[in-house]
Amino acid sequence: MISIDIEKNLKTYQGKRVLKISRNFPAGSITKIYGPSGAGKTTFLKIIAGLVTPEDGKIVVNGTVWLDSVTGVSLPPQKRMAGFVFQDYALFPNMTVRQHLEYATDNTNWITRLLAIGKLETLDQHRPEYLSGGQQQRLAILRALAIRPKLLLMDEPFSALDAEMKQALIAELKIIFKELGSTVLIVTHNPQELDELTTSGLLIE
């Protein structure tokens, strides 16, 4: 169970606003997060991951306090161990596809399986600059999965994929998420595309 109750001041092109969310996410749930541009969807994921600090709030994950603004507790990102798929991929330019995964795990069987899921087996020695946008996005997803995260945060993870690849990948991810028991939060601009994958939704306005 993930319990989140946070407030964060945002600066948007429309002026200042407050991101305020109080929500529980059951273990193993897959939630799509949607809403207008500038509403704070990406910021919400970054707060959970420990990359952004809210003015006020508390986050408790499986009984462990990750954040408590009252007591001053704030675990660093490396201790939260959340998988994160960044909207801009955030890949390492000097690492090959395989090295990205090896950086996260030394389980060669798991790496081989991930490469197959992402259809990147034949590109495992390529660096990001030699990959298409869709291939880079798939690598970003695989890297986040490599640590076998109990919490996976995904920011527009399918935006660069064509319909056929997206459908195939979602089918594979459904299996992986269930196998890992991951709780997954997915920011999307098109919530309908995730109907077959997600179990609930969160509108941020």
N, C-alpha and C. Protein backbone atom coordinates (compact mmCIF):
# COMPACT_ATOMS: atom_id res chain seq x y z
N MET A 1 0.83 -1.20 0.00
CA MET A 1 0.00 0.00 0.00
C MET A 1 0.87 1.25 0.00
N ILE A 2 0.52 2.21 -0.85
CA ILE A 2 1.21 3.48 -0.90
C ILE A 2 0.23 4.57 -0.49
N SER A 3 0.57 5.28 0.55
CA SER A 3 -0.28 6.36 1.05
C SER A 3 0.40 7.69 0.79
N ILE A 4 -0.29 8.56 0.06
CA ILE A 4 0.30 9.85 -0.34
C ILE A 4 -0.64 10.99 0.03
N ASP A 5 -0.10 11.97 0.71
CA ASP A 5 -0.86 13.17 1.07
C ASP A 5 0.10 14.34 0.98
N ILE A 6 0.09 15.06 -0.15
CA ILE A 6 1.10 16.09 -0.38
C ILE A 6 0.49 17.38 -0.90
N GLU A 7 1.23 18.46 -0.67
CA GLU A 7 0.92 19.76 -1.26
C GLU A 7 2.21 20.36 -1.81
N LYS A 8 2.12 20.86 -3.03
CA LYS A 8 3.30 21.46 -3.67
C LYS A 8 2.88 22.69 -4.46
N ASN A 9 3.56 23.80 -4.23
CA ASN A 9 3.28 25.02 -4.99
C ASN A 9 3.90 24.90 -6.38
N LEU A 10 3.13 25.21 -7.38
CA LEU A 10 3.59 25.12 -8.76
C LEU A 10 3.58 26.49 -9.42
N LYS A 11 4.54 26.69 -10.31
CA LYS A 11 4.52 27.88 -11.16
C LYS A 11 4.20 27.42 -12.57
N THR A 12 3.12 27.89 -13.13
CA THR A 12 2.72 27.50 -14.49
C THR A 12 2.58 28.74 -15.36
N TYR A 13 2.36 28.52 -16.64
CA TYR A 13 2.20 29.67 -17.54
C TYR A 13 0.92 30.45 -17.22
N GLN A 14 0.03 29.83 -16.45
CA GLN A 14 -1.20 30.51 -16.03
C GLN A 14 -1.04 31.17 -14.67
N GLY A 15 0.17 31.09 -14.09
CA GLY A 15 0.40 31.66 -12.78
C GLY A 15 0.68 30.59 -11.75
N LYS A 16 0.53 30.93 -10.49
CA LYS A 16 0.79 29.98 -9.41
C LYS A 16 -0.44 29.14 -9.10
N ARG A 17 -0.22 27.90 -8.77
CA ARG A 17 -1.29 27.03 -8.33
C ARG A 17 -0.72 26.01 -7.35
N VAL A 18 -1.60 25.29 -6.67
CA VAL A 18 -1.18 24.31 -5.68
C VAL A 18 -1.56 22.91 -6.14
N LEU A 19 -0.58 22.02 -6.17
CA LEU A 19 -0.82 20.61 -6.43
C LEU A 19 -1.13 19.96 -5.09
N LYS A 20 -2.33 19.44 -4.93
CA LYS A 20 -2.75 18.85 -3.67
C LYS A 20 -3.37 17.48 -3.95
N ILE A 21 -2.73 16.44 -3.45
CA ILE A 21 -3.20 15.08 -3.72
C ILE A 21 -3.18 14.27 -2.43
N SER A 22 -4.28 13.61 -2.15
CA SER A 22 -4.38 12.68 -1.03
C SER A 22 -5.00 11.40 -1.56
N ARG A 23 -4.21 10.35 -1.58
CA ARG A 23 -4.68 9.13 -2.25
C ARG A 23 -3.91 7.91 -1.74
N ASN A 24 -4.60 6.79 -1.66
CA ASN A 24 -3.96 5.51 -1.37
C ASN A 24 -3.94 4.67 -2.64
N PHE A 25 -2.81 4.02 -2.89
CA PHE A 25 -2.67 3.14 -4.05
C PHE A 25 -2.41 1.72 -3.54
N PRO A 26 -3.34 0.80 -3.74
CA PRO A 26 -3.14 -0.57 -3.25
C PRO A 26 -1.92 -1.23 -3.91
N ALA A 27 -1.27 -2.11 -3.19
CA ALA A 27 -0.13 -2.85 -3.74
C ALA A 27 -0.56 -3.62 -4.97
N GLY A 28 0.23 -3.53 -6.03
CA GLY A 28 -0.08 -4.24 -7.27
C GLY A 28 -1.05 -3.53 -8.18
N SER A 29 -1.52 -2.36 -7.78
CA SER A 29 -2.46 -1.61 -8.63
C SER A 29 -1.70 -0.89 -9.74
N ILE A 30 -2.40 -0.63 -10.84
CA ILE A 30 -1.83 0.10 -11.97
C ILE A 30 -2.75 1.28 -12.26
N THR A 31 -2.25 2.48 -12.03
CA THR A 31 -3.08 3.68 -12.09
C THR A 31 -2.62 4.61 -13.20
N LYS A 32 -3.56 5.03 -14.03
CA LYS A 32 -3.23 6.04 -15.03
C LYS A 32 -3.50 7.42 -14.43
N ILE A 33 -2.58 8.34 -14.68
CA ILE A 33 -2.67 9.70 -14.16
C ILE A 33 -2.80 10.63 -15.36
N TYR A 34 -3.86 11.41 -15.37
CA TYR A 34 -4.12 12.23 -16.54
C TYR A 34 -4.66 13.59 -16.11
N GLY A 35 -4.73 14.51 -17.06
CA GLY A 35 -5.20 15.85 -16.78
C GLY A 35 -4.54 16.83 -17.73
N PRO A 36 -4.90 18.10 -17.65
CA PRO A 36 -4.38 19.10 -18.58
C PRO A 36 -2.89 19.37 -18.40
N SER A 37 -2.28 19.92 -19.42
CA SER A 37 -0.86 20.27 -19.37
C SER A 37 -0.64 21.32 -18.28
N GLY A 38 0.44 21.13 -17.51
CA GLY A 38 0.75 22.09 -16.46
C GLY A 38 0.06 21.83 -15.14
N ALA A 39 -0.71 20.73 -15.06
CA ALA A 39 -1.46 20.45 -13.84
C ALA A 39 -0.57 19.89 -12.73
N GLY A 40 0.60 19.37 -13.09
CA GLY A 40 1.53 18.86 -12.08
C GLY A 40 1.70 17.35 -12.09
N LYS A 41 1.35 16.70 -13.19
CA LYS A 41 1.42 15.23 -13.26
C LYS A 41 2.85 14.73 -13.11
N THR A 42 3.77 15.32 -13.87
CA THR A 42 5.18 14.92 -13.79
C THR A 42 5.76 15.27 -12.43
N THR A 43 5.41 16.43 -11.91
CA THR A 43 5.88 16.84 -10.58
C THR A 43 5.44 15.83 -9.53
N PHE A 44 4.21 15.34 -9.65
CA PHE A 44 3.68 14.35 -8.70
C PHE A 44 4.57 13.10 -8.68
N LEU A 45 4.94 12.60 -9.85
CA LEU A 45 5.81 11.43 -9.91
C LEU A 45 7.17 11.73 -9.29
N LYS A 46 7.71 12.92 -9.57
CA LYS A 46 9.03 13.28 -9.06
C LYS A 46 9.02 13.45 -7.55
N ILE A 47 7.90 13.89 -6.99
CA ILE A 47 7.78 13.99 -5.53
C ILE A 47 7.85 12.59 -4.91
N ILE A 48 7.13 11.64 -5.51
CA ILE A 48 7.14 10.27 -5.00
C ILE A 48 8.55 9.68 -5.06
N ALA A 49 9.24 9.95 -6.16
CA ALA A 49 10.59 9.40 -6.36
C ALA A 49 11.64 10.08 -5.49
N GLY A 50 11.32 11.24 -4.93
CA GLY A 50 12.29 11.97 -4.12
C GLY A 50 13.12 12.96 -4.90
N LEU A 51 12.70 13.26 -6.13
CA LEU A 51 13.43 14.19 -6.98
C LEU A 51 12.96 15.63 -6.80
N VAL A 52 11.78 15.79 -6.22
CA VAL A 52 11.20 17.10 -5.91
C VAL A 52 10.63 17.02 -4.50
N THR A 53 10.79 18.08 -3.73
CA THR A 53 10.30 18.09 -2.35
C THR A 53 9.08 19.00 -2.23
N PRO A 54 7.98 18.48 -1.71
CA PRO A 54 6.78 19.32 -1.54
C PRO A 54 6.90 20.21 -0.31
N GLU A 55 6.09 21.28 -0.27
CA GLU A 55 6.09 22.15 0.91
C GLU A 55 5.52 21.43 2.12
N ASP A 56 4.59 20.53 1.86
CA ASP A 56 3.93 19.84 2.97
C ASP A 56 3.52 18.46 2.49
N GLY A 57 3.65 17.45 3.36
CA GLY A 57 3.15 16.15 2.94
C GLY A 57 3.75 14.97 3.66
N LYS A 58 3.17 13.82 3.33
CA LYS A 58 3.63 12.56 3.89
C LYS A 58 3.44 11.46 2.86
N ILE A 59 4.46 10.62 2.72
CA ILE A 59 4.39 9.47 1.82
C ILE A 59 4.85 8.24 2.60
N VAL A 60 3.99 7.24 2.64
CA VAL A 60 4.30 5.99 3.33
C VAL A 60 4.15 4.85 2.34
N VAL A 61 5.19 4.05 2.17
CA VAL A 61 5.17 2.94 1.21
C VAL A 61 5.41 1.63 1.96
N ASN A 62 4.40 0.78 1.93
CA ASN A 62 4.48 -0.53 2.60
C ASN A 62 4.98 -0.40 4.04
N GLY A 63 4.44 0.60 4.73
CA GLY A 63 4.76 0.78 6.15
C GLY A 63 6.01 1.59 6.43
N THR A 64 6.79 1.91 5.39
CA THR A 64 8.01 2.71 5.56
C THR A 64 7.74 4.16 5.18
N VAL A 65 8.10 5.08 6.08
CA VAL A 65 7.91 6.51 5.80
C VAL A 65 9.01 7.00 4.85
N TRP A 66 8.59 7.42 3.67
CA TRP A 66 9.53 7.97 2.70
C TRP A 66 9.67 9.48 2.89
N LEU A 67 8.56 10.11 3.28
CA LEU A 67 8.54 11.56 3.43
C LEU A 67 7.58 11.93 4.54
N ASP A 68 8.02 12.82 5.41
CA ASP A 68 7.15 13.38 6.43
C ASP A 68 7.65 14.79 6.73
N SER A 69 6.94 15.77 6.22
CA SER A 69 7.39 17.16 6.37
C SER A 69 7.34 17.62 7.82
N VAL A 70 6.54 16.96 8.66
CA VAL A 70 6.44 17.35 10.07
C VAL A 70 7.68 16.91 10.85
N THR A 71 8.12 15.68 10.63
CA THR A 71 9.27 15.14 11.37
C THR A 71 10.60 15.37 10.64
N GLY A 72 10.52 15.82 9.37
CA GLY A 72 11.74 16.08 8.61
C GLY A 72 12.30 14.88 7.89
N VAL A 73 11.57 13.77 7.87
CA VAL A 73 12.04 12.57 7.17
C VAL A 73 11.90 12.77 5.66
N SER A 74 12.93 12.48 4.92
CA SER A 74 12.87 12.51 3.46
C SER A 74 13.96 11.58 2.91
N LEU A 75 13.57 10.36 2.57
CA LEU A 75 14.53 9.40 2.05
C LEU A 75 15.04 9.85 0.69
N PRO A 76 16.35 9.73 0.43
CA PRO A 76 16.88 10.09 -0.89
C PRO A 76 16.38 9.11 -1.95
N PRO A 77 16.41 9.52 -3.22
CA PRO A 77 15.90 8.66 -4.30
C PRO A 77 16.51 7.26 -4.31
N GLN A 78 17.82 7.16 -4.03
CA GLN A 78 18.47 5.85 -4.11
C GLN A 78 17.98 4.88 -3.04
N LYS A 79 17.43 5.40 -1.95
CA LYS A 79 16.86 4.54 -0.92
C LYS A 79 15.40 4.19 -1.20
N ARG A 80 14.73 5.03 -1.98
CA ARG A 80 13.34 4.74 -2.33
C ARG A 80 13.26 3.62 -3.38
N MET A 81 14.27 3.54 -4.21
CA MET A 81 14.37 2.46 -5.20
C MET A 81 13.13 2.32 -6.08
N ALA A 82 12.58 3.45 -6.48
CA ALA A 82 11.45 3.42 -7.41
C ALA A 82 11.99 3.39 -8.84
N GLY A 83 11.39 2.56 -9.68
CA GLY A 83 11.73 2.61 -11.09
C GLY A 83 11.10 3.85 -11.70
N PHE A 84 11.83 4.55 -12.57
CA PHE A 84 11.30 5.80 -13.14
C PHE A 84 11.58 5.82 -14.64
N VAL A 85 10.53 5.97 -15.43
CA VAL A 85 10.66 6.16 -16.87
C VAL A 85 10.42 7.64 -17.14
N PHE A 86 11.51 8.36 -17.47
CA PHE A 86 11.41 9.79 -17.69
C PHE A 86 10.84 10.09 -19.07
N GLN A 87 10.11 11.21 -19.14
CA GLN A 87 9.49 11.60 -20.41
C GLN A 87 10.55 11.85 -21.48
N ASP A 88 11.72 12.35 -21.08
CA ASP A 88 12.80 12.60 -22.05
C ASP A 88 13.83 11.47 -22.07
N TYR A 89 13.44 10.33 -21.45
CA TYR A 89 14.23 9.08 -21.43
C TYR A 89 15.43 9.12 -20.48
N ALA A 90 16.19 10.24 -20.44
CA ALA A 90 17.33 10.38 -19.53
C ALA A 90 18.32 9.22 -19.65
N LEU A 91 18.63 8.85 -20.87
CA LEU A 91 19.59 7.77 -21.10
C LEU A 91 21.02 8.28 -21.00
N PHE A 92 21.95 7.36 -20.76
CA PHE A 92 23.37 7.72 -20.68
C PHE A 92 23.99 7.64 -22.09
N PRO A 93 24.47 8.74 -22.64
CA PRO A 93 24.92 8.76 -24.03
C PRO A 93 26.08 7.82 -24.33
N ASN A 94 26.94 7.55 -23.36
CA ASN A 94 28.13 6.73 -23.61
C ASN A 94 27.93 5.26 -23.28
N MET A 95 26.72 4.88 -22.87
CA MET A 95 26.45 3.49 -22.54
C MET A 95 25.68 2.81 -23.66
N THR A 96 26.01 1.55 -23.93
CA THR A 96 25.23 0.77 -24.89
C THR A 96 23.90 0.36 -24.26
N VAL A 97 23.03 -0.18 -25.08
CA VAL A 97 21.75 -0.69 -24.58
C VAL A 97 21.99 -1.68 -23.45
N ARG A 98 22.85 -2.64 -23.68
CA ARG A 98 23.11 -3.66 -22.67
C ARG A 98 23.72 -3.06 -21.39
N GLN A 99 24.61 -2.11 -21.56
CA GLN A 99 25.23 -1.48 -20.39
C GLN A 99 24.22 -0.73 -19.53
N HIS A 100 23.21 -0.16 -20.16
CA HIS A 100 22.15 0.49 -19.39
C HIS A 100 21.49 -0.50 -18.43
N LEU A 101 21.28 -1.71 -18.92
CA LEU A 101 20.62 -2.73 -18.09
C LEU A 101 21.60 -3.32 -17.08
N GLU A 102 22.85 -3.49 -17.49
CA GLU A 102 23.86 -4.03 -16.58
C GLU A 102 24.14 -3.07 -15.43
N TYR A 103 23.93 -1.80 -15.67
CA TYR A 103 24.12 -0.80 -14.62
C TYR A 103 23.11 -1.01 -13.49
N ALA A 104 21.95 -1.58 -13.83
CA ALA A 104 20.89 -1.77 -12.86
C ALA A 104 20.83 -3.18 -12.27
N THR A 105 21.34 -4.18 -13.02
CA THR A 105 21.27 -5.57 -12.55
C THR A 105 22.41 -6.39 -13.14
N ASP A 106 22.82 -7.41 -12.40
CA ASP A 106 23.84 -8.33 -12.93
C ASP A 106 23.22 -9.68 -13.30
N ASN A 107 21.90 -9.73 -13.35
CA ASN A 107 21.19 -10.96 -13.70
C ASN A 107 21.08 -11.05 -15.23
N THR A 108 21.95 -11.86 -15.83
CA THR A 108 22.01 -11.92 -17.29
C THR A 108 20.74 -12.49 -17.91
N ASN A 109 20.10 -13.44 -17.22
CA ASN A 109 18.85 -13.99 -17.74
C ASN A 109 17.76 -12.94 -17.78
N TRP A 110 17.71 -12.12 -16.76
CA TRP A 110 16.72 -11.04 -16.69
C TRP A 110 16.99 -10.01 -17.79
N ILE A 111 18.27 -9.69 -18.00
CA ILE A 111 18.64 -8.76 -19.07
C ILE A 111 18.21 -9.30 -20.43
N THR A 112 18.48 -10.57 -20.66
CA THR A 112 18.10 -11.19 -21.94
C THR A 112 16.60 -11.13 -22.14
N ARG A 113 15.85 -11.39 -21.09
CA ARG A 113 14.39 -11.34 -21.18
C ARG A 113 13.89 -9.92 -21.46
N LEU A 114 14.48 -8.95 -20.79
CA LEU A 114 14.08 -7.56 -21.01
C LEU A 114 14.37 -7.12 -22.44
N LEU A 115 15.54 -7.47 -22.96
CA LEU A 115 15.88 -7.11 -24.33
C LEU A 115 14.86 -7.69 -25.31
N ALA A 116 14.42 -8.91 -25.04
CA ALA A 116 13.42 -9.54 -25.91
C ALA A 116 12.08 -8.82 -25.82
N ILE A 117 11.70 -8.43 -24.62
CA ILE A 117 10.44 -7.71 -24.42
C ILE A 117 10.45 -6.39 -25.20
N GLY A 118 11.61 -5.71 -25.17
CA GLY A 118 11.72 -4.43 -25.85
C GLY A 118 12.11 -4.53 -27.30
N LYS A 119 12.26 -5.75 -27.81
CA LYS A 119 12.67 -5.98 -29.21
C LYS A 119 13.99 -5.25 -29.51
N LEU A 120 14.93 -5.34 -28.55
CA LEU A 120 16.22 -4.66 -28.71
C LEU A 120 17.39 -5.65 -28.70
N GLU A 121 17.11 -6.93 -28.88
CA GLU A 121 18.17 -7.95 -28.80
C GLU A 121 19.31 -7.67 -29.78
N THR A 122 18.97 -7.28 -31.00
CA THR A 122 19.99 -7.08 -32.02
C THR A 122 20.66 -5.71 -31.93
N LEU A 123 20.18 -4.88 -31.00
CA LEU A 123 20.72 -3.53 -30.87
C LEU A 123 21.43 -3.34 -29.53
N ASP A 124 21.77 -4.45 -28.88
CA ASP A 124 22.26 -4.34 -27.50
C ASP A 124 23.62 -3.67 -27.38
N GLN A 125 24.37 -3.56 -28.49
CA GLN A 125 25.67 -2.90 -28.44
C GLN A 125 25.61 -1.47 -28.98
N HIS A 126 24.40 -0.99 -29.27
CA HIS A 126 24.24 0.37 -29.79
C HIS A 126 24.10 1.38 -28.65
N ARG A 127 24.67 2.56 -28.85
CA ARG A 127 24.45 3.66 -27.91
C ARG A 127 23.19 4.41 -28.32
N PRO A 128 22.61 5.20 -27.41
CA PRO A 128 21.33 5.86 -27.68
C PRO A 128 21.29 6.68 -28.96
N GLU A 129 22.39 7.32 -29.32
CA GLU A 129 22.37 8.18 -30.51
C GLU A 129 22.08 7.39 -31.79
N TYR A 130 22.30 6.08 -31.75
CA TYR A 130 22.04 5.26 -32.93
C TYR A 130 20.68 4.56 -32.87
N LEU A 131 19.87 4.94 -31.89
CA LEU A 131 18.53 4.36 -31.75
C LEU A 131 17.48 5.37 -32.18
N SER A 132 16.36 4.87 -32.67
CA SER A 132 15.23 5.74 -32.98
C SER A 132 14.58 6.21 -31.67
N GLY A 133 13.69 7.18 -31.78
CA GLY A 133 12.99 7.66 -30.59
C GLY A 133 12.22 6.56 -29.89
N GLY A 134 11.56 5.72 -30.67
CA GLY A 134 10.81 4.61 -30.09
C GLY A 134 11.71 3.59 -29.40
N GLN A 135 12.86 3.33 -30.00
CA GLN A 135 13.81 2.39 -29.39
C GLN A 135 14.38 2.96 -28.10
N GLN A 136 14.67 4.25 -28.09
CA GLN A 136 15.16 4.88 -26.87
C GLN A 136 14.10 4.81 -25.76
N GLN A 137 12.86 5.03 -26.14
CA GLN A 137 11.79 4.97 -25.14
C GLN A 137 11.64 3.57 -24.57
N ARG A 138 11.75 2.57 -25.42
CA ARG A 138 11.67 1.19 -24.93
C ARG A 138 12.84 0.87 -23.99
N LEU A 139 14.03 1.37 -24.34
CA LEU A 139 15.19 1.17 -23.46
C LEU A 139 14.96 1.83 -22.10
N ALA A 140 14.36 3.01 -22.09
CA ALA A 140 14.09 3.69 -20.83
C ALA A 140 13.15 2.85 -19.96
N ILE A 141 12.18 2.21 -20.58
CA ILE A 141 11.25 1.33 -19.84
C ILE A 141 11.99 0.12 -19.30
N LEU A 142 12.83 -0.49 -20.14
CA LEU A 142 13.57 -1.69 -19.72
C LEU A 142 14.52 -1.38 -18.57
N ARG A 143 15.18 -0.22 -18.65
CA ARG A 143 16.10 0.15 -17.58
C ARG A 143 15.36 0.30 -16.25
N ALA A 144 14.18 0.89 -16.29
CA ALA A 144 13.39 1.06 -15.07
C ALA A 144 12.95 -0.29 -14.51
N LEU A 145 12.68 -1.24 -15.39
CA LEU A 145 12.25 -2.57 -14.96
C LEU A 145 13.42 -3.41 -14.46
N ALA A 146 14.62 -3.06 -14.86
CA ALA A 146 15.79 -3.91 -14.57
C ALA A 146 16.00 -4.11 -13.07
N ILE A 147 15.62 -3.12 -12.26
CA ILE A 147 15.82 -3.24 -10.81
C ILE A 147 14.67 -4.01 -10.14
N ARG A 148 13.76 -4.53 -10.95
CA ARG A 148 12.58 -5.24 -10.43
C ARG A 148 11.85 -4.39 -9.38
N PRO A 149 11.42 -3.21 -9.78
CA PRO A 149 10.88 -2.26 -8.80
C PRO A 149 9.53 -2.69 -8.24
N LYS A 150 9.35 -2.45 -6.95
CA LYS A 150 8.04 -2.66 -6.34
C LYS A 150 7.13 -1.46 -6.62
N LEU A 151 7.77 -0.33 -6.95
CA LEU A 151 7.03 0.87 -7.36
C LEU A 151 7.64 1.37 -8.66
N LEU A 152 6.80 1.51 -9.68
CA LEU A 152 7.27 1.95 -10.99
C LEU A 152 6.50 3.21 -11.39
N LEU A 153 7.24 4.27 -11.70
CA LEU A 153 6.67 5.55 -12.09
C LEU A 153 7.00 5.79 -13.57
N MET A 154 5.98 6.00 -14.38
CA MET A 154 6.19 6.10 -15.83
C MET A 154 5.57 7.40 -16.35
N ASP A 155 6.38 8.22 -17.00
CA ASP A 155 5.92 9.51 -17.50
C ASP A 155 5.81 9.47 -19.03
N GLU A 156 4.58 9.38 -19.52
CA GLU A 156 4.31 9.29 -20.97
C GLU A 156 5.19 8.22 -21.62
N PRO A 157 5.13 6.97 -21.16
CA PRO A 157 6.09 5.95 -21.59
C PRO A 157 5.86 5.37 -22.98
N PHE A 158 4.71 5.67 -23.60
CA PHE A 158 4.42 5.06 -24.90
C PHE A 158 4.26 6.10 -26.01
N SER A 159 4.63 7.34 -25.75
CA SER A 159 4.34 8.43 -26.68
C SER A 159 5.06 8.31 -28.02
N ALA A 160 6.21 7.63 -28.05
CA ALA A 160 7.00 7.54 -29.29
C ALA A 160 6.79 6.21 -30.02
N LEU A 161 5.86 5.39 -29.54
CA LEU A 161 5.66 4.06 -30.12
C LEU A 161 4.47 4.04 -31.07
N ASP A 162 4.60 3.28 -32.17
CA ASP A 162 3.46 3.13 -33.05
C ASP A 162 2.44 2.19 -32.40
N ALA A 163 1.26 2.15 -32.97
CA ALA A 163 0.15 1.42 -32.35
C ALA A 163 0.46 -0.06 -32.16
N GLU A 164 1.10 -0.67 -33.15
CA GLU A 164 1.39 -2.10 -33.08
C GLU A 164 2.42 -2.41 -31.99
N MET A 165 3.49 -1.63 -31.94
CA MET A 165 4.52 -1.83 -30.93
C MET A 165 3.97 -1.55 -29.53
N LYS A 166 3.15 -0.51 -29.42
CA LYS A 166 2.57 -0.15 -28.13
C LYS A 166 1.70 -1.29 -27.60
N GLN A 167 0.87 -1.86 -28.47
CA GLN A 167 -0.02 -2.94 -28.06
C GLN A 167 0.78 -4.17 -27.61
N ALA A 168 1.83 -4.50 -28.36
CA ALA A 168 2.66 -5.66 -28.03
C ALA A 168 3.38 -5.45 -26.71
N LEU A 169 3.90 -4.25 -26.51
CA LEU A 169 4.65 -3.95 -25.28
C LEU A 169 3.73 -3.95 -24.07
N ILE A 170 2.56 -3.36 -24.21
CA ILE A 170 1.61 -3.34 -23.09
C ILE A 170 1.24 -4.76 -22.67
N ALA A 171 1.06 -5.65 -23.65
CA ALA A 171 0.73 -7.04 -23.33
C ALA A 171 1.85 -7.69 -22.51
N GLU A 172 3.09 -7.41 -22.88
CA GLU A 172 4.24 -7.95 -22.14
C GLU A 172 4.33 -7.34 -20.74
N LEU A 173 4.08 -6.04 -20.65
CA LEU A 173 4.19 -5.35 -19.37
C LEU A 173 3.14 -5.84 -18.37
N LYS A 174 1.97 -6.17 -18.85
CA LYS A 174 0.93 -6.71 -17.96
C LYS A 174 1.44 -7.96 -17.24
N ILE A 175 2.15 -8.79 -17.98
CA ILE A 175 2.71 -10.02 -17.40
C ILE A 175 3.80 -9.69 -16.39
N ILE A 176 4.70 -8.78 -16.78
CA ILE A 176 5.82 -8.40 -15.92
C ILE A 176 5.33 -7.75 -14.63
N PHE A 177 4.39 -6.83 -14.75
CA PHE A 177 3.89 -6.12 -13.56
C PHE A 177 3.29 -7.11 -12.56
N LYS A 178 2.55 -8.07 -13.08
CA LYS A 178 1.92 -9.06 -12.20
C LYS A 178 2.98 -9.95 -11.55
N GLU A 179 3.97 -10.33 -12.34
CA GLU A 179 5.04 -11.20 -11.84
C GLU A 179 5.85 -10.51 -10.74
N LEU A 180 6.15 -9.23 -10.92
CA LEU A 180 6.95 -8.49 -9.95
C LEU A 180 6.10 -7.99 -8.78
N GLY A 181 4.80 -7.97 -8.96
CA GLY A 181 3.93 -7.41 -7.92
C GLY A 181 4.09 -5.91 -7.81
N SER A 182 4.43 -5.27 -8.92
CA SER A 182 4.71 -3.83 -8.90
C SER A 182 3.44 -3.00 -8.80
N THR A 183 3.53 -1.93 -8.03
CA THR A 183 2.52 -0.87 -8.05
C THR A 183 2.99 0.14 -9.09
N VAL A 184 2.13 0.49 -10.03
CA VAL A 184 2.56 1.28 -11.18
C VAL A 184 1.69 2.54 -11.32
N LEU A 185 2.34 3.68 -11.51
CA LEU A 185 1.65 4.94 -11.80
C LEU A 185 2.13 5.43 -13.15
N ILE A 186 1.19 5.66 -14.07
CA ILE A 186 1.53 6.02 -15.44
C ILE A 186 0.88 7.34 -15.82
N VAL A 187 1.69 8.35 -16.09
CA VAL A 187 1.18 9.61 -16.61
C VAL A 187 0.93 9.45 -18.10
N THR A 188 -0.24 9.89 -18.55
CA THR A 188 -0.57 9.77 -19.97
C THR A 188 -1.42 10.95 -20.42
N HIS A 189 -1.26 11.34 -21.68
CA HIS A 189 -2.13 12.37 -22.25
C HIS A 189 -3.33 11.74 -22.94
N ASN A 190 -3.30 10.41 -23.02
CA ASN A 190 -4.39 9.68 -23.69
C ASN A 190 -4.81 8.52 -22.80
N PRO A 191 -5.63 8.76 -21.78
CA PRO A 191 -5.98 7.70 -20.82
C PRO A 191 -6.68 6.50 -21.45
N GLN A 192 -7.37 6.71 -22.58
CA GLN A 192 -8.08 5.59 -23.21
C GLN A 192 -7.13 4.50 -23.68
N GLU A 193 -5.91 4.87 -24.05
CA GLU A 193 -4.97 3.88 -24.58
C GLU A 193 -4.52 2.90 -23.51
N LEU A 194 -4.76 3.23 -22.23
CA LEU A 194 -4.29 2.39 -21.13
C LEU A 194 -5.42 1.63 -20.45
N ASP A 195 -6.60 1.65 -21.05
CA ASP A 195 -7.75 0.99 -20.41
C ASP A 195 -7.50 -0.49 -20.14
N GLU A 196 -6.82 -1.17 -21.05
CA GLU A 196 -6.59 -2.61 -20.90
C GLU A 196 -5.46 -2.92 -19.92
N LEU A 197 -4.67 -1.90 -19.56
CA LEU A 197 -3.53 -2.12 -18.68
C LEU A 197 -3.80 -1.69 -17.24
N THR A 198 -4.50 -0.57 -17.08
CA THR A 198 -4.65 0.03 -15.76
C THR A 198 -5.89 -0.49 -15.02
N THR A 199 -5.83 -0.37 -13.69
CA THR A 199 -6.94 -0.80 -12.83
C THR A 199 -7.71 0.38 -12.25
N SER A 200 -7.12 1.59 -12.34
CA SER A 200 -7.80 2.77 -11.81
C SER A 200 -7.20 4.00 -12.45
N GLY A 201 -7.80 5.16 -12.15
CA GLY A 201 -7.31 6.41 -12.72
C GLY A 201 -7.27 7.52 -11.69
N LEU A 202 -6.41 8.50 -11.93
CA LEU A 202 -6.32 9.67 -11.07
C LEU A 202 -6.26 10.90 -11.97
N LEU A 203 -7.28 11.76 -11.86
CA LEU A 203 -7.33 13.00 -12.63
C LEU A 203 -6.69 14.12 -11.81
N ILE A 204 -5.67 14.76 -12.37
CA ILE A 204 -5.06 15.92 -11.74
C ILE A 204 -5.42 17.15 -12.57
N GLU A 205 -6.13 18.06 -11.94
CA GLU A 205 -6.60 19.23 -12.68
C GLU A 205 -5.93 20.50 -12.19
